């Protein structure tokens, strides 16, 4: 089994443990999970990282973001998943339902419908960063890079640690043939989330390409 396969199995087992019945594995409170995520015991940290995705709030995101640097692969993967769960909750069930509809439309490659749905999310909850982020993603996929940049700006106003939007800037600037800016944003994204393997791989490639470009101008 490959390393990625082993990690997936371990991750699934960790999530299953957290989801086990109360009599088999008591679930910690939110406050306990916030404390447990920094405990020395590995299984305790894994369970806390997973459980915070279910019960955490935006106020807990900084704790989960710090866990992205945990020495354990599974803790890092669970923390990243939980960050996205926390970021995707607006506090309003109807808004959250609309967000899921937009995600499904995006998955069906119905960009126009998804953009309209995410616009409705933004109209309902303009303070909800993930509505802006999802619409930025749709605009990027549709090739409307300027609108995508504008929505990324709105994400940053509300959630400056949003590594997805930071990496999104990088992708946009690559499409706009502005590799210097792309590199800046990829580096920022990786500082927030050191587990972005695609970003980690593209940074040295961009650095080499920029070096060659500079050599060609001498």
N, C-alpha and C. Protein backbone atom coordinates (compact mmCIF):
# COMPACT_ATOMS: atom_id res chain seq x y z
N UNK A 1 0.85 -1.20 0.00
CA UNK A 1 0.00 0.00 0.00
C UNK A 1 0.88 1.24 0.00
N UNK A 2 0.52 2.24 -0.79
CA UNK A 2 1.30 3.47 -0.86
C UNK A 2 1.15 4.27 0.43
N UNK A 3 2.06 5.26 0.60
CA UNK A 3 1.98 6.11 1.79
C UNK A 3 0.65 6.87 1.82
N UNK A 4 0.21 7.36 0.63
CA UNK A 4 -1.08 8.07 0.57
C UNK A 4 -2.22 7.15 0.96
N UNK A 5 -2.13 5.88 0.51
CA UNK A 5 -3.18 4.93 0.87
C UNK A 5 -3.21 4.65 2.35
N UNK A 6 -2.02 4.50 2.95
CA UNK A 6 -1.97 4.26 4.40
C UNK A 6 -2.53 5.45 5.17
N UNK A 7 -2.21 6.66 4.70
CA UNK A 7 -2.72 7.85 5.37
C UNK A 7 -4.24 7.92 5.28
N UNK A 8 -4.80 7.56 4.11
CA UNK A 8 -6.25 7.58 3.94
C UNK A 8 -6.92 6.60 4.89
N UNK A 9 -6.36 5.39 4.99
CA UNK A 9 -6.94 4.40 5.89
C UNK A 9 -6.89 4.89 7.33
N UNK A 10 -5.75 5.43 7.74
CA UNK A 10 -5.61 5.94 9.11
C UNK A 10 -6.58 7.08 9.36
N UNK A 11 -6.73 7.96 8.36
CA UNK A 11 -7.65 9.08 8.49
C UNK A 11 -9.07 8.59 8.67
N UNK A 12 -9.47 7.60 7.87
CA UNK A 12 -10.83 7.06 7.99
C UNK A 12 -11.05 6.41 9.34
N UNK A 13 -10.04 5.71 9.84
CA UNK A 13 -10.15 5.09 11.15
C UNK A 13 -10.26 6.13 12.24
N UNK A 14 -9.54 7.22 12.10
CA UNK A 14 -9.59 8.29 13.10
C UNK A 14 -10.97 8.93 13.11
N UNK A 15 -11.52 9.18 11.92
CA UNK A 15 -12.86 9.77 11.85
C UNK A 15 -13.89 8.82 12.42
N UNK A 16 -13.76 7.53 12.11
CA UNK A 16 -14.69 6.53 12.65
C UNK A 16 -14.64 6.50 14.16
N UNK A 17 -13.44 6.63 14.71
CA UNK A 17 -13.31 6.62 16.17
C UNK A 17 -14.04 7.79 16.78
N UNK A 18 -13.94 8.95 16.15
CA UNK A 18 -14.62 10.13 16.68
C UNK A 18 -16.13 9.97 16.56
N UNK A 19 -16.57 9.30 15.50
CA UNK A 19 -18.01 9.14 15.27
C UNK A 19 -18.60 7.95 16.00
N UNK A 20 -17.81 7.25 16.81
CA UNK A 20 -18.29 6.06 17.50
C UNK A 20 -19.35 6.43 18.54
N UNK A 21 -20.19 5.48 18.94
CA UNK A 21 -21.21 5.76 19.95
C UNK A 21 -20.59 6.28 21.23
N UNK A 22 -21.39 7.04 21.96
CA UNK A 22 -20.89 7.69 23.16
C UNK A 22 -20.38 6.68 24.17
N UNK A 23 -21.06 5.51 24.30
CA UNK A 23 -20.63 4.54 25.30
C UNK A 23 -19.29 3.92 24.93
N UNK A 24 -18.93 3.95 23.61
CA UNK A 24 -17.66 3.38 23.19
C UNK A 24 -16.55 4.42 23.22
N UNK A 25 -16.85 5.63 22.80
CA UNK A 25 -15.84 6.68 22.73
C UNK A 25 -16.50 8.02 23.04
N UNK A 26 -16.47 8.46 24.29
CA UNK A 26 -17.15 9.72 24.64
C UNK A 26 -16.61 10.88 23.81
N UNK A 27 -17.52 11.66 23.31
CA UNK A 27 -17.11 12.82 22.53
C UNK A 27 -16.81 13.98 23.48
N UNK A 28 -15.72 14.68 23.24
CA UNK A 28 -15.41 15.82 24.10
C UNK A 28 -16.32 17.00 23.78
N UNK A 29 -16.46 17.89 24.72
CA UNK A 29 -17.15 19.14 24.44
C UNK A 29 -16.27 19.99 23.54
N UNK A 30 -16.85 21.06 23.01
CA UNK A 30 -16.05 21.96 22.18
C UNK A 30 -14.85 22.48 22.97
N UNK A 31 -15.09 22.87 24.22
CA UNK A 31 -14.01 23.41 25.03
C UNK A 31 -12.93 22.36 25.28
N UNK A 32 -13.36 21.12 25.51
CA UNK A 32 -12.39 20.04 25.72
C UNK A 32 -11.58 19.76 24.45
N UNK A 33 -12.28 19.80 23.31
CA UNK A 33 -11.59 19.55 22.03
C UNK A 33 -10.55 20.63 21.76
N UNK A 34 -10.88 21.87 22.09
CA UNK A 34 -9.92 22.96 21.90
C UNK A 34 -8.69 22.75 22.77
N UNK A 35 -8.89 22.19 23.93
CA UNK A 35 -7.76 21.91 24.81
C UNK A 35 -7.01 20.66 24.36
N UNK A 36 -7.76 19.65 23.92
CA UNK A 36 -7.15 18.36 23.58
C UNK A 36 -6.30 18.41 22.32
N UNK A 37 -6.57 19.37 21.44
CA UNK A 37 -5.87 19.38 20.15
C UNK A 37 -4.38 19.68 20.30
N UNK A 38 -3.99 20.13 21.48
CA UNK A 38 -2.56 20.38 21.72
C UNK A 38 -1.96 19.38 22.72
N UNK A 39 -2.73 18.35 23.10
CA UNK A 39 -2.24 17.38 24.08
C UNK A 39 -1.14 16.49 23.48
N UNK A 40 -0.27 15.96 24.30
CA UNK A 40 0.80 15.07 23.78
C UNK A 40 0.27 13.78 23.17
N UNK A 41 -0.84 13.25 23.69
CA UNK A 41 -1.35 11.97 23.21
C UNK A 41 -1.88 12.11 21.78
N UNK A 42 -1.39 11.25 20.89
CA UNK A 42 -1.70 11.36 19.47
C UNK A 42 -3.18 11.15 19.18
N UNK A 43 -3.78 10.08 19.73
CA UNK A 43 -5.18 9.81 19.45
C UNK A 43 -6.08 10.92 19.99
N UNK A 44 -5.70 11.51 21.11
CA UNK A 44 -6.48 12.61 21.65
C UNK A 44 -6.47 13.79 20.70
N UNK A 45 -5.30 14.09 20.12
CA UNK A 45 -5.21 15.20 19.17
C UNK A 45 -6.00 14.90 17.90
N UNK A 46 -5.93 13.66 17.44
CA UNK A 46 -6.67 13.30 16.22
C UNK A 46 -8.17 13.47 16.43
N UNK A 47 -8.66 12.96 17.55
CA UNK A 47 -10.09 13.06 17.83
C UNK A 47 -10.53 14.51 17.97
N UNK A 48 -9.71 15.31 18.62
CA UNK A 48 -10.04 16.71 18.80
C UNK A 48 -10.08 17.44 17.46
N UNK A 49 -9.10 17.16 16.60
CA UNK A 49 -9.04 17.81 15.29
C UNK A 49 -10.27 17.47 14.45
N UNK A 50 -10.71 16.22 14.52
CA UNK A 50 -11.90 15.81 13.77
C UNK A 50 -13.17 16.40 14.38
N UNK A 51 -13.29 16.34 15.69
CA UNK A 51 -14.52 16.74 16.35
C UNK A 51 -14.76 18.25 16.24
N UNK A 52 -13.68 19.03 16.19
CA UNK A 52 -13.84 20.48 16.05
C UNK A 52 -14.49 20.85 14.71
N UNK A 53 -14.35 19.98 13.72
CA UNK A 53 -15.04 20.22 12.46
C UNK A 53 -16.55 20.15 12.61
N UNK A 54 -17.00 19.36 13.58
CA UNK A 54 -18.44 19.20 13.82
C UNK A 54 -19.00 20.29 14.72
N UNK A 55 -18.24 20.68 15.73
CA UNK A 55 -18.79 21.58 16.75
C UNK A 55 -18.08 22.93 16.80
N UNK A 56 -17.01 23.09 16.02
CA UNK A 56 -16.25 24.33 16.08
C UNK A 56 -16.96 25.50 15.43
N UNK A 57 -16.48 26.69 15.76
CA UNK A 57 -17.00 27.93 15.18
C UNK A 57 -15.84 28.67 14.50
N UNK A 58 -16.17 29.78 13.85
CA UNK A 58 -15.13 30.57 13.22
C UNK A 58 -14.08 31.02 14.23
N UNK A 59 -14.51 31.22 15.45
CA UNK A 59 -13.56 31.64 16.49
C UNK A 59 -12.51 30.57 16.76
N UNK A 60 -12.81 29.32 16.41
CA UNK A 60 -11.89 28.22 16.64
C UNK A 60 -10.95 27.98 15.47
N UNK A 61 -11.17 28.67 14.36
CA UNK A 61 -10.35 28.45 13.17
C UNK A 61 -8.85 28.65 13.43
N UNK A 62 -8.45 29.68 14.20
CA UNK A 62 -7.00 29.83 14.46
C UNK A 62 -6.38 28.61 15.13
N UNK A 63 -7.13 27.95 16.01
CA UNK A 63 -6.61 26.74 16.66
C UNK A 63 -6.40 25.64 15.63
N UNK A 64 -7.37 25.47 14.74
CA UNK A 64 -7.25 24.45 13.70
C UNK A 64 -6.13 24.80 12.73
N UNK A 65 -5.98 26.06 12.42
CA UNK A 65 -4.90 26.47 11.51
C UNK A 65 -3.53 26.17 12.11
N UNK A 66 -3.39 26.34 13.41
CA UNK A 66 -2.12 26.00 14.06
C UNK A 66 -1.87 24.49 14.00
N UNK A 67 -2.97 23.72 14.04
CA UNK A 67 -2.83 22.26 13.98
C UNK A 67 -2.39 21.78 12.60
N UNK A 68 -2.42 22.66 11.61
CA UNK A 68 -1.94 22.29 10.28
C UNK A 68 -0.43 22.06 10.27
N UNK A 69 0.23 22.46 11.34
CA UNK A 69 1.67 22.22 11.48
C UNK A 69 1.97 21.10 12.47
N UNK A 70 0.96 20.34 12.86
CA UNK A 70 1.16 19.22 13.78
C UNK A 70 2.14 18.22 13.18
N UNK A 71 2.96 17.56 14.00
CA UNK A 71 3.91 16.58 13.45
C UNK A 71 3.25 15.33 12.87
N UNK A 72 1.98 15.10 13.16
CA UNK A 72 1.29 13.90 12.68
C UNK A 72 0.51 14.18 11.41
N UNK A 73 0.69 13.34 10.39
CA UNK A 73 0.00 13.51 9.11
C UNK A 73 -1.52 13.53 9.28
N UNK A 74 -2.03 12.62 10.09
CA UNK A 74 -3.47 12.49 10.23
C UNK A 74 -4.07 13.69 10.96
N UNK A 75 -3.40 14.17 11.99
CA UNK A 75 -3.89 15.37 12.68
C UNK A 75 -3.96 16.53 11.68
N UNK A 76 -2.93 16.67 10.86
CA UNK A 76 -2.93 17.77 9.88
C UNK A 76 -4.07 17.63 8.88
N UNK A 77 -4.29 16.40 8.39
CA UNK A 77 -5.36 16.18 7.42
C UNK A 77 -6.73 16.42 8.04
N UNK A 78 -6.93 15.95 9.26
CA UNK A 78 -8.21 16.16 9.95
C UNK A 78 -8.42 17.63 10.24
N UNK A 79 -7.36 18.32 10.65
CA UNK A 79 -7.49 19.76 10.94
C UNK A 79 -7.86 20.53 9.69
N UNK A 80 -7.26 20.18 8.56
CA UNK A 80 -7.59 20.88 7.31
C UNK A 80 -9.05 20.64 6.93
N UNK A 81 -9.48 19.39 7.04
CA UNK A 81 -10.89 19.10 6.75
C UNK A 81 -11.82 19.87 7.68
N UNK A 82 -11.45 19.97 8.94
CA UNK A 82 -12.28 20.67 9.91
C UNK A 82 -12.29 22.16 9.68
N UNK A 83 -11.16 22.71 9.23
CA UNK A 83 -11.13 24.13 8.88
C UNK A 83 -12.17 24.43 7.81
N UNK A 84 -12.20 23.59 6.77
CA UNK A 84 -13.18 23.81 5.71
C UNK A 84 -14.62 23.66 6.22
N UNK A 85 -14.84 22.72 7.14
CA UNK A 85 -16.18 22.57 7.71
C UNK A 85 -16.59 23.84 8.47
N UNK A 86 -15.68 24.35 9.27
CA UNK A 86 -15.97 25.56 10.05
C UNK A 86 -16.20 26.74 9.13
N UNK A 87 -15.33 26.89 8.13
CA UNK A 87 -15.47 28.01 7.20
C UNK A 87 -16.77 27.94 6.41
N UNK A 88 -17.31 26.73 6.23
CA UNK A 88 -18.50 26.55 5.39
C UNK A 88 -19.81 26.69 6.16
N UNK A 89 -19.74 27.06 7.43
CA UNK A 89 -20.96 27.28 8.21
C UNK A 89 -21.17 28.77 8.42
N UNK A 90 -22.28 29.25 7.94
CA UNK A 90 -22.57 30.68 8.03
C UNK A 90 -23.30 31.05 9.32
N UNK A 91 -23.89 30.05 9.97
CA UNK A 91 -24.74 30.32 11.12
C UNK A 91 -26.21 30.43 10.76
N UNK A 92 -26.51 30.33 9.47
CA UNK A 92 -27.89 30.38 8.99
C UNK A 92 -28.15 29.14 8.15
N UNK A 93 -29.05 28.24 8.57
CA UNK A 93 -29.27 26.99 7.84
C UNK A 93 -29.66 27.18 6.38
N UNK A 94 -30.47 28.18 6.07
CA UNK A 94 -30.88 28.39 4.68
C UNK A 94 -29.69 28.82 3.82
N UNK A 95 -28.85 29.67 4.38
CA UNK A 95 -27.65 30.09 3.65
C UNK A 95 -26.73 28.90 3.40
N UNK A 96 -26.57 28.06 4.42
CA UNK A 96 -25.72 26.87 4.28
C UNK A 96 -26.30 25.91 3.23
N UNK A 97 -27.62 25.81 3.20
CA UNK A 97 -28.27 24.95 2.20
C UNK A 97 -28.01 25.49 0.79
N UNK A 98 -28.12 26.80 0.62
CA UNK A 98 -27.84 27.41 -0.67
C UNK A 98 -26.39 27.17 -1.09
N UNK A 99 -25.47 27.28 -0.13
CA UNK A 99 -24.06 27.03 -0.44
C UNK A 99 -23.87 25.62 -0.99
N UNK A 100 -24.51 24.63 -0.36
CA UNK A 100 -24.39 23.25 -0.83
C UNK A 100 -24.98 23.07 -2.22
N UNK A 101 -26.09 23.75 -2.49
CA UNK A 101 -26.67 23.68 -3.83
C UNK A 101 -25.69 24.23 -4.86
N UNK A 102 -25.07 25.36 -4.53
CA UNK A 102 -24.09 25.95 -5.43
C UNK A 102 -22.90 25.03 -5.66
N UNK A 103 -22.45 24.35 -4.61
CA UNK A 103 -21.33 23.41 -4.75
C UNK A 103 -21.72 22.26 -5.67
N UNK A 104 -22.95 21.77 -5.53
CA UNK A 104 -23.42 20.69 -6.40
C UNK A 104 -23.50 21.16 -7.85
N UNK A 105 -23.99 22.39 -8.06
CA UNK A 105 -24.06 22.94 -9.41
C UNK A 105 -22.65 23.09 -10.00
N UNK A 106 -21.71 23.53 -9.18
CA UNK A 106 -20.34 23.66 -9.63
C UNK A 106 -19.78 22.29 -9.99
N UNK A 107 -20.12 21.27 -9.20
CA UNK A 107 -19.67 19.91 -9.49
C UNK A 107 -20.23 19.40 -10.81
N UNK A 108 -21.42 19.87 -11.18
CA UNK A 108 -22.01 19.49 -12.47
C UNK A 108 -21.53 20.38 -13.60
N UNK A 109 -20.60 21.28 -13.29
CA UNK A 109 -20.03 22.21 -14.27
C UNK A 109 -21.07 23.17 -14.82
N UNK A 110 -22.06 23.47 -14.02
CA UNK A 110 -23.06 24.48 -14.39
C UNK A 110 -22.65 25.80 -13.74
N UNK A 111 -21.64 26.42 -14.32
CA UNK A 111 -21.05 27.61 -13.73
C UNK A 111 -22.01 28.76 -13.57
N UNK A 112 -22.84 29.01 -14.58
CA UNK A 112 -23.76 30.14 -14.53
C UNK A 112 -24.74 29.98 -13.37
N UNK A 113 -25.29 28.78 -13.21
CA UNK A 113 -26.23 28.53 -12.12
C UNK A 113 -25.53 28.64 -10.78
N UNK A 114 -24.33 28.08 -10.68
CA UNK A 114 -23.58 28.13 -9.43
C UNK A 114 -23.27 29.58 -9.04
N UNK A 115 -22.85 30.38 -10.01
CA UNK A 115 -22.55 31.79 -9.73
C UNK A 115 -23.79 32.51 -9.21
N UNK A 116 -24.94 32.21 -9.80
CA UNK A 116 -26.18 32.82 -9.35
C UNK A 116 -26.53 32.39 -7.93
N UNK A 117 -26.33 31.11 -7.64
CA UNK A 117 -26.63 30.61 -6.30
C UNK A 117 -25.70 31.23 -5.27
N UNK A 118 -24.41 31.30 -5.58
CA UNK A 118 -23.46 31.90 -4.64
C UNK A 118 -23.72 33.40 -4.48
N UNK A 119 -24.22 34.04 -5.52
CA UNK A 119 -24.61 35.45 -5.39
C UNK A 119 -25.76 35.59 -4.40
N UNK A 120 -26.68 34.62 -4.42
CA UNK A 120 -27.78 34.64 -3.46
C UNK A 120 -27.26 34.43 -2.04
N UNK A 121 -26.25 33.56 -1.90
CA UNK A 121 -25.62 33.36 -0.59
C UNK A 121 -25.02 34.67 -0.09
N UNK A 122 -24.30 35.35 -0.97
CA UNK A 122 -23.66 36.62 -0.61
C UNK A 122 -24.69 37.67 -0.24
N UNK A 123 -25.80 37.69 -0.98
CA UNK A 123 -26.85 38.66 -0.70
C UNK A 123 -27.46 38.41 0.68
N UNK A 124 -27.63 37.13 1.02
CA UNK A 124 -28.20 36.79 2.33
C UNK A 124 -27.22 37.09 3.46
N UNK A 125 -25.96 36.72 3.25
CA UNK A 125 -24.95 36.87 4.29
C UNK A 125 -23.66 37.46 3.71
N UNK A 126 -23.64 38.76 3.48
CA UNK A 126 -22.44 39.36 2.87
C UNK A 126 -21.19 39.24 3.74
N UNK A 127 -21.36 38.94 5.03
CA UNK A 127 -20.21 38.78 5.93
C UNK A 127 -19.63 37.38 5.88
N UNK A 128 -20.26 36.48 5.14
CA UNK A 128 -19.87 35.07 5.08
C UNK A 128 -18.79 34.90 4.00
N UNK A 129 -17.55 34.73 4.42
CA UNK A 129 -16.42 34.71 3.48
C UNK A 129 -16.53 33.58 2.46
N UNK A 130 -17.08 32.44 2.89
CA UNK A 130 -17.06 31.28 1.99
C UNK A 130 -17.98 31.46 0.80
N UNK A 131 -19.03 32.27 0.94
CA UNK A 131 -19.87 32.57 -0.21
C UNK A 131 -19.06 33.27 -1.29
N UNK A 132 -18.26 34.24 -0.89
CA UNK A 132 -17.39 34.95 -1.83
C UNK A 132 -16.34 34.01 -2.42
N UNK A 133 -15.78 33.14 -1.58
CA UNK A 133 -14.74 32.24 -2.06
C UNK A 133 -15.28 31.28 -3.11
N UNK A 134 -16.46 30.75 -2.87
CA UNK A 134 -17.02 29.80 -3.82
C UNK A 134 -17.35 30.50 -5.14
N UNK A 135 -17.85 31.74 -5.06
CA UNK A 135 -18.14 32.43 -6.31
C UNK A 135 -16.85 32.79 -7.04
N UNK A 136 -15.79 33.13 -6.28
CA UNK A 136 -14.49 33.38 -6.90
C UNK A 136 -14.02 32.14 -7.66
N UNK A 137 -14.25 30.96 -7.07
CA UNK A 137 -13.84 29.72 -7.72
C UNK A 137 -14.61 29.51 -9.02
N UNK A 138 -15.92 29.76 -8.97
CA UNK A 138 -16.73 29.59 -10.18
C UNK A 138 -16.28 30.54 -11.27
N UNK A 139 -16.06 31.80 -10.92
CA UNK A 139 -15.61 32.77 -11.91
C UNK A 139 -14.28 32.35 -12.52
N UNK A 140 -13.38 31.81 -11.68
CA UNK A 140 -12.10 31.34 -12.20
C UNK A 140 -12.33 30.22 -13.22
N UNK A 141 -13.16 29.25 -12.87
CA UNK A 141 -13.43 28.14 -13.77
C UNK A 141 -14.09 28.60 -15.07
N UNK A 142 -14.82 29.70 -15.00
CA UNK A 142 -15.48 30.25 -16.18
C UNK A 142 -14.54 31.16 -16.98
N UNK A 143 -13.34 31.39 -16.44
CA UNK A 143 -12.37 32.22 -17.15
C UNK A 143 -12.54 33.71 -16.93
N UNK A 144 -13.38 34.10 -15.98
CA UNK A 144 -13.60 35.51 -15.67
C UNK A 144 -12.67 35.89 -14.52
N UNK A 145 -11.40 36.11 -14.85
CA UNK A 145 -10.38 36.26 -13.83
C UNK A 145 -10.50 37.55 -13.03
N UNK A 146 -10.95 38.61 -13.65
CA UNK A 146 -11.08 39.88 -12.92
C UNK A 146 -12.17 39.78 -11.85
N UNK A 147 -13.29 39.17 -12.20
CA UNK A 147 -14.34 38.98 -11.20
C UNK A 147 -13.87 38.05 -10.09
N UNK A 148 -13.09 37.04 -10.46
CA UNK A 148 -12.56 36.12 -9.46
C UNK A 148 -11.62 36.85 -8.51
N UNK A 149 -10.77 37.72 -9.05
CA UNK A 149 -9.88 38.51 -8.20
C UNK A 149 -10.66 39.40 -7.25
N UNK A 150 -11.71 40.03 -7.75
CA UNK A 150 -12.53 40.91 -6.91
C UNK A 150 -13.16 40.14 -5.76
N UNK A 151 -13.63 38.93 -6.04
CA UNK A 151 -14.24 38.12 -4.97
C UNK A 151 -13.18 37.62 -3.99
N UNK A 152 -11.98 37.30 -4.49
CA UNK A 152 -10.89 36.93 -3.58
C UNK A 152 -10.57 38.08 -2.63
N UNK A 153 -10.62 39.29 -3.15
CA UNK A 153 -10.39 40.46 -2.29
C UNK A 153 -11.42 40.52 -1.16
N UNK A 154 -12.67 40.18 -1.49
CA UNK A 154 -13.72 40.18 -0.47
C UNK A 154 -13.49 39.09 0.56
N UNK A 155 -12.99 37.94 0.10
CA UNK A 155 -12.67 36.86 1.05
C UNK A 155 -11.62 37.33 2.04
N UNK A 156 -10.58 37.96 1.54
CA UNK A 156 -9.48 38.40 2.39
C UNK A 156 -9.91 39.43 3.43
N UNK A 157 -10.89 40.27 3.06
CA UNK A 157 -11.40 41.25 4.02
C UNK A 157 -12.05 40.56 5.22
N UNK A 158 -12.62 39.40 4.97
CA UNK A 158 -13.38 38.70 6.00
C UNK A 158 -12.61 37.55 6.65
N UNK A 159 -11.66 36.99 5.90
CA UNK A 159 -10.91 35.83 6.41
C UNK A 159 -9.50 35.88 5.82
N UNK A 160 -8.61 36.69 6.41
CA UNK A 160 -7.27 36.86 5.83
C UNK A 160 -6.41 35.61 5.85
N UNK A 161 -6.81 34.58 6.59
CA UNK A 161 -6.06 33.33 6.64
C UNK A 161 -6.59 32.28 5.67
N UNK A 162 -7.45 32.67 4.76
CA UNK A 162 -8.07 31.71 3.86
C UNK A 162 -7.05 31.24 2.83
N UNK A 163 -6.41 30.10 3.12
CA UNK A 163 -5.36 29.60 2.24
C UNK A 163 -5.89 29.19 0.88
N UNK A 164 -7.18 28.83 0.81
CA UNK A 164 -7.77 28.50 -0.49
C UNK A 164 -7.82 29.70 -1.40
N UNK A 165 -8.25 30.84 -0.86
CA UNK A 165 -8.29 32.06 -1.66
C UNK A 165 -6.89 32.54 -2.00
N UNK A 166 -5.95 32.40 -1.07
CA UNK A 166 -4.57 32.80 -1.35
C UNK A 166 -3.99 31.99 -2.51
N UNK A 167 -4.23 30.67 -2.47
CA UNK A 167 -3.78 29.84 -3.59
C UNK A 167 -4.55 30.19 -4.86
N UNK A 168 -5.82 30.60 -4.68
CA UNK A 168 -6.61 31.02 -5.83
C UNK A 168 -6.03 32.24 -6.52
N UNK A 169 -5.58 33.21 -5.73
CA UNK A 169 -4.89 34.35 -6.33
C UNK A 169 -3.72 33.86 -7.20
N UNK A 170 -2.94 32.92 -6.64
CA UNK A 170 -1.80 32.42 -7.39
C UNK A 170 -2.21 31.83 -8.72
N UNK A 171 -3.28 31.03 -8.72
CA UNK A 171 -3.74 30.43 -9.97
C UNK A 171 -4.22 31.49 -10.96
N UNK A 172 -4.90 32.50 -10.45
CA UNK A 172 -5.39 33.56 -11.33
C UNK A 172 -4.21 34.30 -11.97
N UNK A 173 -3.23 34.67 -11.15
CA UNK A 173 -2.11 35.43 -11.69
C UNK A 173 -1.26 34.59 -12.64
N UNK A 174 -1.26 33.28 -12.47
CA UNK A 174 -0.61 32.44 -13.47
C UNK A 174 -1.33 32.56 -14.82
N UNK A 175 -2.65 32.53 -14.78
CA UNK A 175 -3.43 32.65 -16.01
C UNK A 175 -3.26 34.01 -16.65
N UNK A 176 -3.01 35.03 -15.82
CA UNK A 176 -2.81 36.39 -16.33
C UNK A 176 -1.35 36.66 -16.69
N UNK A 177 -0.52 35.61 -16.65
CA UNK A 177 0.90 35.72 -16.98
C UNK A 177 1.60 36.75 -16.09
N UNK A 178 1.32 36.67 -14.80
CA UNK A 178 1.99 37.50 -13.81
C UNK A 178 2.61 36.58 -12.76
N UNK A 179 3.67 35.85 -13.13
CA UNK A 179 4.22 34.83 -12.25
C UNK A 179 4.79 35.38 -10.95
N UNK A 180 5.28 36.63 -10.96
CA UNK A 180 5.81 37.20 -9.72
C UNK A 180 4.72 37.31 -8.67
N UNK A 181 3.57 37.82 -9.07
CA UNK A 181 2.45 37.92 -8.14
C UNK A 181 1.96 36.54 -7.74
N UNK A 182 1.90 35.63 -8.70
CA UNK A 182 1.47 34.26 -8.40
C UNK A 182 2.36 33.66 -7.33
N UNK A 183 3.66 33.84 -7.46
CA UNK A 183 4.61 33.27 -6.50
C UNK A 183 4.40 33.86 -5.11
N UNK A 184 4.16 35.15 -5.04
CA UNK A 184 3.92 35.80 -3.74
C UNK A 184 2.73 35.17 -3.03
N UNK A 185 1.65 34.97 -3.77
CA UNK A 185 0.44 34.43 -3.14
C UNK A 185 0.59 32.94 -2.82
N UNK A 186 1.28 32.19 -3.67
CA UNK A 186 1.51 30.78 -3.35
C UNK A 186 2.33 30.65 -2.07
N UNK A 187 3.31 31.50 -1.91
CA UNK A 187 4.12 31.47 -0.69
C UNK A 187 3.27 31.80 0.53
N UNK A 188 2.41 32.79 0.40
CA UNK A 188 1.53 33.15 1.51
C UNK A 188 0.60 31.99 1.87
N UNK A 189 0.04 31.34 0.86
CA UNK A 189 -0.86 30.21 1.10
C UNK A 189 -0.13 29.10 1.84
N UNK A 190 1.11 28.82 1.43
CA UNK A 190 1.86 27.74 2.05
C UNK A 190 2.27 28.07 3.48
N UNK A 191 2.47 29.37 3.76
CA UNK A 191 2.79 29.75 5.15
C UNK A 191 1.61 29.47 6.07
N UNK A 192 0.40 29.66 5.55
CA UNK A 192 -0.79 29.39 6.36
C UNK A 192 -1.03 27.88 6.47
N UNK A 193 -0.92 27.20 5.34
CA UNK A 193 -1.17 25.75 5.32
C UNK A 193 0.00 25.05 4.64
N UNK A 194 0.94 24.53 5.41
CA UNK A 194 2.12 23.89 4.82
C UNK A 194 1.84 22.54 4.18
N UNK A 195 0.58 22.13 4.13
CA UNK A 195 0.20 20.82 3.57
C UNK A 195 -0.33 20.92 2.15
N UNK A 196 -0.24 22.09 1.53
CA UNK A 196 -0.73 22.27 0.17
C UNK A 196 0.33 21.74 -0.80
N UNK A 197 0.27 20.45 -1.08
CA UNK A 197 1.34 19.81 -1.86
C UNK A 197 1.47 20.39 -3.26
N UNK A 198 0.35 20.66 -3.90
CA UNK A 198 0.41 21.23 -5.24
C UNK A 198 1.09 22.59 -5.24
N UNK A 199 0.77 23.40 -4.24
CA UNK A 199 1.39 24.71 -4.11
C UNK A 199 2.88 24.56 -3.81
N UNK A 200 3.19 23.64 -2.92
CA UNK A 200 4.58 23.40 -2.55
C UNK A 200 5.41 22.99 -3.77
N UNK A 201 4.82 22.21 -4.66
CA UNK A 201 5.54 21.75 -5.84
C UNK A 201 5.71 22.84 -6.89
N UNK A 202 4.70 23.73 -6.99
CA UNK A 202 4.77 24.73 -8.06
C UNK A 202 5.71 25.88 -7.71
N UNK A 203 5.95 26.13 -6.42
CA UNK A 203 6.79 27.26 -6.02
C UNK A 203 8.20 27.14 -6.60
N UNK A 204 8.93 26.02 -6.43
CA UNK A 204 10.27 25.95 -7.02
C UNK A 204 10.25 26.02 -8.55
N UNK A 205 9.17 25.52 -9.16
CA UNK A 205 9.06 25.61 -10.61
C UNK A 205 8.96 27.07 -11.05
N UNK A 206 8.14 27.83 -10.33
CA UNK A 206 8.01 29.26 -10.63
C UNK A 206 9.31 29.99 -10.38
N UNK A 207 9.97 29.65 -9.29
CA UNK A 207 11.24 30.31 -8.97
C UNK A 207 12.27 30.08 -10.08
N UNK A 208 12.33 28.85 -10.58
CA UNK A 208 13.27 28.56 -11.68
C UNK A 208 12.88 29.30 -12.95
N UNK A 209 11.57 29.33 -13.25
CA UNK A 209 11.11 30.01 -14.46
C UNK A 209 11.40 31.50 -14.39
N UNK A 210 11.21 32.11 -13.23
CA UNK A 210 11.48 33.54 -13.07
C UNK A 210 12.97 33.82 -13.18
N UNK A 211 13.79 32.92 -12.64
CA UNK A 211 15.23 33.09 -12.74
C UNK A 211 15.68 33.05 -14.20
N UNK A 212 15.13 32.10 -14.95
CA UNK A 212 15.47 32.00 -16.36
C UNK A 212 14.99 33.22 -17.12
N UNK A 213 13.82 33.72 -16.76
CA UNK A 213 13.28 34.90 -17.43
C UNK A 213 14.19 36.11 -17.18
N UNK A 214 14.67 36.24 -15.95
CA UNK A 214 15.54 37.37 -15.61
C UNK A 214 16.87 37.25 -16.35
N UNK A 215 17.38 36.02 -16.44
CA UNK A 215 18.62 35.81 -17.18
C UNK A 215 18.47 36.24 -18.64
N UNK A 216 17.28 35.99 -19.18
CA UNK A 216 17.05 36.33 -20.58
C UNK A 216 16.95 37.81 -20.85
N UNK A 217 16.76 38.59 -19.79
CA UNK A 217 16.65 40.04 -19.96
C UNK A 217 17.98 40.75 -19.74
N UNK A 218 19.01 40.00 -19.31
CA UNK A 218 20.32 40.63 -19.06
C UNK A 218 21.06 40.82 -20.39
